[in-house]
């Protein structure tokens, strides 16, 4: 049984139950996807969930819309949920989804992400050891700068326990709220949440397989991509030294 079967009219509970062989995933998972003008990506993500192996977990998918004007809202199909964002920025969208979620595990995912096979089994494996985890990342394009960026991102998780939003963070529900949720700021919400987890002494585990994400936040051209990567690193450094998210957002530009 898949979520597509549920969408075609068969009765379904609050979570779509899916049978799986081998190691099971977590008992129940809420996948939370913030969207803003994602008409070009949302169908592909829903297609993934139509055919994905949920590894025995009960799963719901929640799209949190931040005011799309390109038809994104009309493309969300049953059994997936669409709710309106409260608060500002990506952090506000993620928190809105978390408050509405029913799952024991909250899985925050970008709309342009492609999950590996066995993603939910891997989530279960990581959460059998720690209370929060993330996927290793790889970009849909493989250029020297992007390859370096993904290597450094994966090393950062392994050795510093810092994960960013495009890596697919998953966390036990009670720990998420204990850590204070994502701060309602225009930038650095994922970075600050990771810092909050570190202060609580919660290490971030990482899956064996990688999530694939687009390089759309990077401009074309290797020199431009390198400049963007360096600029992001400088923004994080300034944030750690006390710069406000509002100030940094003005430098970063379009943070959606």
C-alpha atoms as a PDB file:
ATOM      1  CA  UNK A   1       0.000   0.000   0.000  1.00  0.00           C
ATOM      2  CA  UNK A   2       1.238   3.508  -0.776  1.00  0.00           C
ATOM      3  CA  UNK A   3       0.042   7.020  -0.201  1.00  0.00           C
ATOM      4  CA  UNK A   4      -1.203   6.975  -3.803  1.00  0.00           C
ATOM      5  CA  UNK A   5      -3.663   4.186  -2.899  1.00  0.00           C
ATOM      6  CA  UNK A   6      -4.970   6.325  -0.066  1.00  0.00           C
ATOM      7  CA  UNK A   7      -5.324   9.245  -2.456  1.00  0.00           C
ATOM      8  CA  UNK A   8      -7.431   7.141  -4.843  1.00  0.00           C
ATOM      9  CA  UNK A   9     -10.282   6.783  -2.426  1.00  0.00           C
ATOM     10  CA  UNK A  10      -9.542   3.947  -0.011  1.00  0.00           C
ATOM     11  CA  UNK A  11     -10.109   4.785   3.652  1.00  0.00           C
ATOM     12  CA  UNK A  12      -6.969   5.945   5.401  1.00  0.00           C
ATOM     13  CA  UNK A  13      -6.183   6.800   9.054  1.00  0.00           C
ATOM     14  CA  UNK A  14      -4.475   9.993  10.173  1.00  0.00           C
ATOM     15  CA  UNK A  15      -1.233   8.435   8.959  1.00  0.00           C
ATOM     16  CA  UNK A  16      -0.819   6.271   5.849  1.00  0.00           C
ATOM     17  CA  UNK A  17       0.222   2.795   7.077  1.00  0.00           C
ATOM     18  CA  UNK A  18       2.789   1.101   4.901  1.00  0.00           C
ATOM     19  CA  UNK A  19       4.173  -2.425   5.368  1.00  0.00           C
ATOM     20  CA  UNK A  20       7.902  -3.015   5.001  1.00  0.00           C
ATOM     21  CA  UNK A  21      10.389  -5.836   5.406  1.00  0.00           C
ATOM     22  CA  UNK A  22      13.506  -5.735   7.570  1.00  0.00           C
ATOM     23  CA  UNK A  23      14.313  -3.035  10.093  1.00  0.00           C
ATOM     24  CA  UNK A  24      11.387  -0.775  10.853  1.00  0.00           C
ATOM     25  CA  UNK A  25      11.330   2.988  10.873  1.00  0.00           C
ATOM     26  CA  UNK A  26      10.092   5.180  13.731  1.00  0.00           C
ATOM     27  CA  UNK A  27       6.526   4.604  14.936  1.00  0.00           C
ATOM     28  CA  UNK A  28       5.075   7.756  13.379  1.00  0.00           C
ATOM     29  CA  UNK A  29       6.592  10.556  11.324  1.00  0.00           C
ATOM     30  CA  UNK A  30       5.299  13.967  10.295  1.00  0.00           C
ATOM     31  CA  UNK A  31       7.097  15.295   7.223  1.00  0.00           C
ATOM     32  CA  UNK A  32       6.965  19.098   7.233  1.00  0.00           C
ATOM     33  CA  UNK A  33       7.699  20.938   3.986  1.00  0.00           C
ATOM     34  CA  UNK A  34       7.714  24.762   3.850  1.00  0.00           C
ATOM     35  CA  UNK A  35       6.645  26.043   0.428  1.00  0.00           C
ATOM     36  CA  UNK A  36       6.619  29.423  -1.239  1.00  0.00           C
ATOM     37  CA  UNK A  37       6.053  29.500  -5.011  1.00  0.00           C
ATOM     38  CA  UNK A  38       7.161  25.873  -5.466  1.00  0.00           C
ATOM     39  CA  UNK A  39       4.884  24.975  -8.382  1.00  0.00           C
ATOM     40  CA  UNK A  40       7.914  23.717 -10.321  1.00  0.00           C
ATOM     41  CA  UNK A  41       9.026  21.258  -7.597  1.00  0.00           C
ATOM     42  CA  UNK A  42       6.014  20.203  -5.533  1.00  0.00           C
ATOM     43  CA  UNK A  43       4.661  17.599  -7.968  1.00  0.00           C
ATOM     44  CA  UNK A  44       7.972  15.735  -8.019  1.00  0.00           C
ATOM     45  CA  UNK A  45       8.115  15.643  -4.225  1.00  0.00           C
ATOM     46  CA  UNK A  46       4.555  14.344  -3.974  1.00  0.00           C
ATOM     47  CA  UNK A  47       5.388  11.698  -6.577  1.00  0.00           C
ATOM     48  CA  UNK A  48       8.222  10.560  -4.311  1.00  0.00           C
ATOM     49  CA  UNK A  49       5.845  10.120  -1.399  1.00  0.00           C
ATOM     50  CA  UNK A  50       3.332   8.282  -3.585  1.00  0.00           C
ATOM     51  CA  UNK A  51       5.851   5.479  -4.107  1.00  0.00           C
ATOM     52  CA  UNK A  52       8.153   5.664  -1.077  1.00  0.00           C
ATOM     53  CA  UNK A  53       8.717   2.807   1.363  1.00  0.00           C
ATOM     54  CA  UNK A  54       7.801   4.178   4.780  1.00  0.00           C
ATOM     55  CA  UNK A  55       9.447   1.191   6.509  1.00  0.00           C
ATOM     56  CA  UNK A  56       6.425   0.392   8.654  1.00  0.00           C
ATOM     57  CA  UNK A  57       6.057   3.942   9.963  1.00  0.00           C
ATOM     58  CA  UNK A  58       2.801   5.810  10.019  1.00  0.00           C
ATOM     59  CA  UNK A  59       3.434   8.963   8.049  1.00  0.00           C
ATOM     60  CA  UNK A  60       1.766  12.258   7.269  1.00  0.00           C
ATOM     61  CA  UNK A  61       3.044  14.955   4.905  1.00  0.00           C
ATOM     62  CA  UNK A  62       2.285  18.592   5.707  1.00  0.00           C
ATOM     63  CA  UNK A  63       2.960  21.421   3.265  1.00  0.00           C
ATOM     64  CA  UNK A  64       3.113  24.814   4.966  1.00  0.00           C
ATOM     65  CA  UNK A  65       2.450  27.612   2.510  1.00  0.00           C
ATOM     66  CA  UNK A  66       3.936  31.059   3.035  1.00  0.00           C
ATOM     67  CA  UNK A  67       1.694  32.927   0.602  1.00  0.00           C
ATOM     68  CA  UNK A  68       2.404  31.353  -2.785  1.00  0.00           C
ATOM     69  CA  UNK A  69       1.105  33.147  -5.877  1.00  0.00           C
ATOM     70  CA  UNK A  70       2.181  30.692  -8.603  1.00  0.00           C
ATOM     71  CA  UNK A  71      -0.425  27.950  -8.112  1.00  0.00           C
ATOM     72  CA  UNK A  72       1.557  25.929  -5.560  1.00  0.00           C
ATOM     73  CA  UNK A  73      -1.460  25.650  -3.273  1.00  0.00           C
ATOM     74  CA  UNK A  74      -3.637  24.177  -6.025  1.00  0.00           C
ATOM     75  CA  UNK A  75      -1.096  21.433  -6.726  1.00  0.00           C
ATOM     76  CA  UNK A  76      -1.193  19.860  -3.251  1.00  0.00           C
ATOM     77  CA  UNK A  77      -3.218  16.652  -3.548  1.00  0.00           C
ATOM     78  CA  UNK A  78      -4.813  14.227  -1.094  1.00  0.00           C
ATOM     79  CA  UNK A  79      -3.828  12.665   1.245  1.00  0.00           C
ATOM     80  CA  UNK A  80      -1.210  15.370   1.804  1.00  0.00           C
ATOM     81  CA  UNK A  81      -2.126  18.319   3.997  1.00  0.00           C
ATOM     82  CA  UNK A  82      -1.870  22.014   3.184  1.00  0.00           C
ATOM     83  CA  UNK A  83      -1.864  24.608   5.959  1.00  0.00           C
ATOM     84  CA  UNK A  84      -1.098  28.320   6.054  1.00  0.00           C
ATOM     85  CA  UNK A  85       2.055  29.639   7.661  1.00  0.00           C
ATOM     86  CA  UNK A  86       1.997  31.587  10.895  1.00  0.00           C
ATOM     87  CA  UNK A  87       4.958  33.778  11.740  1.00  0.00           C
ATOM     88  CA  UNK A  88       7.638  34.983   9.373  1.00  0.00           C
ATOM     89  CA  UNK A  89      10.326  33.321   7.318  1.00  0.00           C
ATOM     90  CA  UNK A  90      11.208  29.655   7.013  1.00  0.00           C
ATOM     91  CA  UNK A  91      11.384  29.243  10.793  1.00  0.00           C
ATOM     92  CA  UNK A  92       7.796  30.396  11.147  1.00  0.00           C
ATOM     93  CA  UNK A  93       6.694  27.918   8.477  1.00  0.00           C
ATOM     94  CA  UNK A  94       8.527  25.011  10.116  1.00  0.00           C
ATOM     95  CA  UNK A  95       7.098  25.832  13.542  1.00  0.00           C
ATOM     96  CA  UNK A  96       3.586  26.085  12.106  1.00  0.00           C
ATOM     97  CA  UNK A  97       3.946  22.600  10.669  1.00  0.00           C
ATOM     98  CA  UNK A  98       5.399  21.219  13.889  1.00  0.00           C
ATOM     99  CA  UNK A  99       2.508  22.533  15.971  1.00  0.00           C
ATOM    100  CA  UNK A 100      -0.010  20.972  13.567  1.00  0.00           C
ATOM    101  CA  UNK A 101       1.836  17.645  13.298  1.00  0.00           C
ATOM    102  CA  UNK A 102       0.700  14.412  14.948  1.00  0.00           C
ATOM    103  CA  UNK A 103       3.888  12.370  14.573  1.00  0.00           C
ATOM    104  CA  UNK A 104       6.317  11.264  17.264  1.00  0.00           C
ATOM    105  CA  UNK A 105       9.121  12.302  14.894  1.00  0.00           C
ATOM    106  CA  UNK A 106       9.233  15.616  12.999  1.00  0.00           C
ATOM    107  CA  UNK A 107      11.042  15.438   9.656  1.00  0.00           C
ATOM    108  CA  UNK A 108      11.775  18.845   8.108  1.00  0.00           C
ATOM    109  CA  UNK A 109      12.310  18.645   4.352  1.00  0.00           C
ATOM    110  CA  UNK A 110      12.903  21.113   1.514  1.00  0.00           C
ATOM    111  CA  UNK A 111      10.567  20.899  -1.458  1.00  0.00           C
ATOM    112  CA  UNK A 112      13.384  20.365  -3.974  1.00  0.00           C
ATOM    113  CA  UNK A 113      14.865  17.404  -2.075  1.00  0.00           C
ATOM    114  CA  UNK A 114      15.144  13.841  -3.401  1.00  0.00           C
ATOM    115  CA  UNK A 115      15.223  11.179  -0.715  1.00  0.00           C
ATOM    116  CA  UNK A 116      17.386   8.065  -0.981  1.00  0.00           C
ATOM    117  CA  UNK A 117      15.817   4.617  -1.109  1.00  0.00           C
ATOM    118  CA  UNK A 118      15.232   3.315   2.387  1.00  0.00           C
ATOM    119  CA  UNK A 119      15.155   6.829   3.837  1.00  0.00           C
ATOM    120  CA  UNK A 120      12.661   5.958   6.562  1.00  0.00           C
ATOM    121  CA  UNK A 121      14.547   2.834   7.585  1.00  0.00           C
ATOM    122  CA  UNK A 122      17.644   4.978   7.929  1.00  0.00           C
ATOM    123  CA  UNK A 123      15.745   7.503  10.023  1.00  0.00           C
ATOM    124  CA  UNK A 124      14.729   4.659  12.321  1.00  0.00           C
ATOM    125  CA  UNK A 125      18.310   3.400  12.553  1.00  0.00           C
ATOM    126  CA  UNK A 126      19.689   6.835  13.466  1.00  0.00           C
ATOM    127  CA  UNK A 127      16.961   7.462  16.044  1.00  0.00           C
ATOM    128  CA  UNK A 128      17.711   4.130  17.699  1.00  0.00           C
ATOM    129  CA  UNK A 129      21.045   5.704  18.759  1.00  0.00           C
ATOM    130  CA  UNK A 130      20.307   9.428  19.174  1.00  0.00           C
ATOM    131  CA  UNK A 131      17.277  11.704  19.387  1.00  0.00           C
ATOM    132  CA  UNK A 132      17.958  13.890  16.361  1.00  0.00           C
ATOM    133  CA  UNK A 133      19.494  13.184  12.986  1.00  0.00           C
ATOM    134  CA  UNK A 134      20.024  14.368   9.446  1.00  0.00           C
ATOM    135  CA  UNK A 135      20.964  13.059   6.025  1.00  0.00           C
ATOM    136  CA  UNK A 136      24.275  13.434   4.351  1.00  0.00           C
ATOM    137  CA  UNK A 137      23.868  15.790   1.400  1.00  0.00           C
ATOM    138  CA  UNK A 138      24.788  15.672  -2.242  1.00  0.00           C
ATOM    139  CA  UNK A 139      23.935  18.217  -4.910  1.00  0.00           C
ATOM    140  CA  UNK A 140      22.110  17.377  -8.122  1.00  0.00           C
ATOM    141  CA  UNK A 141      25.042  18.938  -9.993  1.00  0.00           C
ATOM    142  CA  UNK A 142      28.592  17.770  -9.404  1.00  0.00           C
ATOM    143  CA  UNK A 143      31.038  20.604  -9.984  1.00  0.00           C
ATOM    144  CA  UNK A 144      34.292  21.128  -8.048  1.00  0.00           C
ATOM    145  CA  UNK A 145      32.832  23.859  -5.810  1.00  0.00           C
ATOM    146  CA  UNK A 146      29.606  21.969  -5.113  1.00  0.00           C
ATOM    147  CA  UNK A 147      31.504  18.759  -4.390  1.00  0.00           C
ATOM    148  CA  UNK A 148      33.687  20.637  -1.905  1.00  0.00           C
ATOM    149  CA  UNK A 149      30.597  22.209  -0.356  1.00  0.00           C
ATOM    150  CA  UNK A 150      28.874  18.870   0.150  1.00  0.00           C
ATOM    151  CA  UNK A 151      31.988  17.260   1.618  1.00  0.00           C
ATOM    152  CA  UNK A 152      32.385  20.104   4.098  1.00  0.00           C
ATOM    153  CA  UNK A 153      28.666  19.983   4.965  1.00  0.00           C
ATOM    154  CA  UNK A 154      28.836  16.281   5.780  1.00  0.00           C
ATOM    155  CA  UNK A 155      32.028  16.694   7.805  1.00  0.00           C
ATOM    156  CA  UNK A 156      30.402  19.545   9.725  1.00  0.00           C
ATOM    157  CA  UNK A 157      27.588  17.227  10.810  1.00  0.00           C
ATOM    158  CA  UNK A 158      29.915  14.389  11.720  1.00  0.00           C
ATOM    159  CA  UNK A 159      32.403  16.398  13.760  1.00  0.00           C
ATOM    160  CA  UNK A 160      30.571  19.560  14.850  1.00  0.00           C
ATOM    161  CA  UNK A 161      26.980  18.272  15.008  1.00  0.00           C
ATOM    162  CA  UNK A 162      25.661  21.206  12.993  1.00  0.00           C
ATOM    163  CA  UNK A 163      23.063  20.500  10.292  1.00  0.00           C
ATOM    164  CA  UNK A 164      21.302  22.917   7.944  1.00  0.00           C
ATOM    165  CA  UNK A 165      17.777  22.750   6.583  1.00  0.00           C
ATOM    166  CA  UNK A 166      18.613  21.357   3.151  1.00  0.00           C
ATOM    167  CA  UNK A 167      19.982  18.180   4.767  1.00  0.00           C
ATOM    168  CA  UNK A 168      16.600  16.953   5.991  1.00  0.00           C
ATOM    169  CA  UNK A 169      16.604  17.276   9.776  1.00  0.00           C
ATOM    170  CA  UNK A 170      14.526  14.771  11.787  1.00  0.00           C
ATOM    171  CA  UNK A 171      13.993  15.035  15.527  1.00  0.00           C
ATOM    172  CA  UNK A 172      11.870  13.536  18.288  1.00  0.00           C
ATOM    173  CA  UNK A 173       8.847  15.742  18.812  1.00  0.00           C
ATOM    174  CA  UNK A 174       9.377  16.413  22.525  1.00  0.00           C
ATOM    175  CA  UNK A 175      13.030  17.310  21.967  1.00  0.00           C
ATOM    176  CA  UNK A 176      12.075  19.773  19.244  1.00  0.00           C
ATOM    177  CA  UNK A 177       9.860  21.731  21.610  1.00  0.00           C
ATOM    178  CA  UNK A 178      12.323  21.375  24.483  1.00  0.00           C
ATOM    179  CA  UNK A 179      15.005  22.982  22.267  1.00  0.00           C
ATOM    180  CA  UNK A 180      12.730  25.974  21.718  1.00  0.00           C
ATOM    181  CA  UNK A 181      11.608  25.220  18.139  1.00  0.00           C
ATOM    182  CA  UNK A 182      13.123  27.246  15.303  1.00  0.00           C
ATOM    183  CA  UNK A 183      13.650  30.907  16.150  1.00  0.00           C
ATOM    184  CA  UNK A 184      11.232  33.235  14.353  1.00  0.00           C
ATOM    185  CA  UNK A 185      13.962  35.074  12.438  1.00  0.00           C
ATOM    186  CA  UNK A 186      14.534  35.819   8.723  1.00  0.00           C
ATOM    187  CA  UNK A 187      17.827  33.904   8.575  1.00  0.00           C
ATOM    188  CA  UNK A 188      19.945  31.401  10.558  1.00  0.00           C
ATOM    189  CA  UNK A 189      16.940  29.572  12.033  1.00  0.00           C
ATOM    190  CA  UNK A 190      18.422  26.132  11.272  1.00  0.00           C
ATOM    191  CA  UNK A 191      21.890  27.131  12.493  1.00  0.00           C
ATOM    192  CA  UNK A 192      20.509  28.476  15.761  1.00  0.00           C
ATOM    193  CA  UNK A 193      18.380  25.379  16.308  1.00  0.00           C
ATOM    194  CA  UNK A 194      21.489  23.198  15.890  1.00  0.00           C
ATOM    195  CA  UNK A 195      23.310  25.382  18.422  1.00  0.00           C
ATOM    196  CA  UNK A 196      20.403  24.975  20.828  1.00  0.00           C
ATOM    197  CA  UNK A 197      20.657  21.193  20.510  1.00  0.00           C
ATOM    198  CA  UNK A 198      24.377  21.349  21.243  1.00  0.00           C
ATOM    199  CA  UNK A 199      23.699  23.328  24.410  1.00  0.00           C
ATOM    200  CA  UNK A 200      21.332  20.574  25.497  1.00  0.00           C
ATOM    201  CA  UNK A 201      24.051  17.990  24.855  1.00  0.00           C
ATOM    202  CA  UNK A 202      22.146  16.331  22.004  1.00  0.00           C
ATOM    203  CA  UNK A 203      24.418  15.033  19.225  1.00  0.00           C
ATOM    204  CA  UNK A 204      23.109  14.936  15.651  1.00  0.00           C
ATOM    205  CA  UNK A 205      23.365  11.532  13.995  1.00  0.00           C
ATOM    206  CA  UNK A 206      23.773  11.130  10.241  1.00  0.00           C
ATOM    207  CA  UNK A 207      22.391   8.542   7.820  1.00  0.00           C
ATOM    208  CA  UNK A 208      24.589   6.430   5.564  1.00  0.00           C
ATOM    209  CA  UNK A 209      22.795   7.462   2.368  1.00  0.00           C
ATOM    210  CA  UNK A 210      22.497  11.018   1.154  1.00  0.00           C
ATOM    211  CA  UNK A 211      19.647  13.302   0.335  1.00  0.00           C
ATOM    212  CA  UNK A 212      19.922  15.026  -3.039  1.00  0.00           C
ATOM    213  CA  UNK A 213      19.140  18.705  -3.309  1.00  0.00           C
ATOM    214  CA  UNK A 214      19.291  21.230  -6.113  1.00  0.00           C
ATOM    215  CA  UNK A 215      21.982  23.875  -6.347  1.00  0.00           C
ATOM    216  CA  UNK A 216      19.458  26.616  -7.069  1.00  0.00           C
ATOM    217  CA  UNK A 217      20.713  28.805  -4.220  1.00  0.00           C
ATOM    218  CA  UNK A 218      24.088  28.936  -5.999  1.00  0.00           C
ATOM    219  CA  UNK A 219      24.494  31.133  -9.101  1.00  0.00           C
ATOM    220  CA  UNK A 220      25.899  29.753 -12.332  1.00  0.00           C
ATOM    221  CA  UNK A 221      29.665  29.673 -12.754  1.00  0.00           C
ATOM    222  CA  UNK A 222      32.269  28.218 -10.423  1.00  0.00           C
ATOM    223  CA  UNK A 223      33.695  31.571  -9.356  1.00  0.00           C
ATOM    224  CA  UNK A 224      30.223  32.847  -8.475  1.00  0.00           C
ATOM    225  CA  UNK A 225      29.445  29.640  -6.596  1.00  0.00           C
ATOM    226  CA  UNK A 226      32.672  29.905  -4.628  1.00  0.00           C
ATOM    227  CA  UNK A 227      31.871  33.501  -3.727  1.00  0.00           C
ATOM    228  CA  UNK A 228      28.395  32.459  -2.556  1.00  0.00           C
ATOM    229  CA  UNK A 229      29.816  29.658  -0.406  1.00  0.00           C
ATOM    230  CA  UNK A 230      32.391  31.987   1.168  1.00  0.00           C
ATOM    231  CA  UNK A 231      29.704  34.615   1.743  1.00  0.00           C
ATOM    232  CA  UNK A 232      27.524  32.067   3.573  1.00  0.00           C
ATOM    233  CA  UNK A 233      30.440  31.077   5.795  1.00  0.00           C
ATOM    234  CA  UNK A 234      31.120  34.727   6.615  1.00  0.00           C
ATOM    235  CA  UNK A 235      27.470  35.308   7.504  1.00  0.00           C
ATOM    236  CA  UNK A 236      27.546  32.391   9.936  1.00  0.00           C
ATOM    237  CA  UNK A 237      30.753  33.729  11.461  1.00  0.00           C
ATOM    238  CA  UNK A 238      29.197  37.157  11.907  1.00  0.00           C
ATOM    239  CA  UNK A 239      26.122  35.582  13.491  1.00  0.00           C
ATOM    240  CA  UNK A 240      28.219  33.693  16.032  1.00  0.00           C
ATOM    241  CA  UNK A 241      29.991  36.959  16.859  1.00  0.00           C
ATOM    242  CA  UNK A 242      26.689  38.685  17.591  1.00  0.00           C
ATOM    243  CA  UNK A 243      25.276  40.078  14.324  1.00  0.00           C
ATOM    244  CA  UNK A 244      21.473  40.012  14.206  1.00  0.00           C
ATOM    245  CA  UNK A 245      19.601  37.749  11.755  1.00  0.00           C
ATOM    246  CA  UNK A 246      17.802  40.827  10.406  1.00  0.00           C
ATOM    247  CA  UNK A 247      21.100  42.505   9.582  1.00  0.00           C
ATOM    248  CA  UNK A 248      22.462  39.373   7.924  1.00  0.00           C
ATOM    249  CA  UNK A 249      19.273  38.822   5.926  1.00  0.00           C
ATOM    250  CA  UNK A 250      19.785  42.202   4.254  1.00  0.00           C
ATOM    251  CA  UNK A 251      23.169  40.966   3.060  1.00  0.00           C
ATOM    252  CA  UNK A 252      21.947  37.510   2.051  1.00  0.00           C
ATOM    253  CA  UNK A 253      18.987  38.780   0.043  1.00  0.00           C
ATOM    254  CA  UNK A 254      16.131  36.410  -0.856  1.00  0.00           C
ATOM    255  CA  UNK A 255      16.138  33.907   2.004  1.00  0.00           C
ATOM    256  CA  UNK A 256      13.094  31.952   0.802  1.00  0.00           C
END
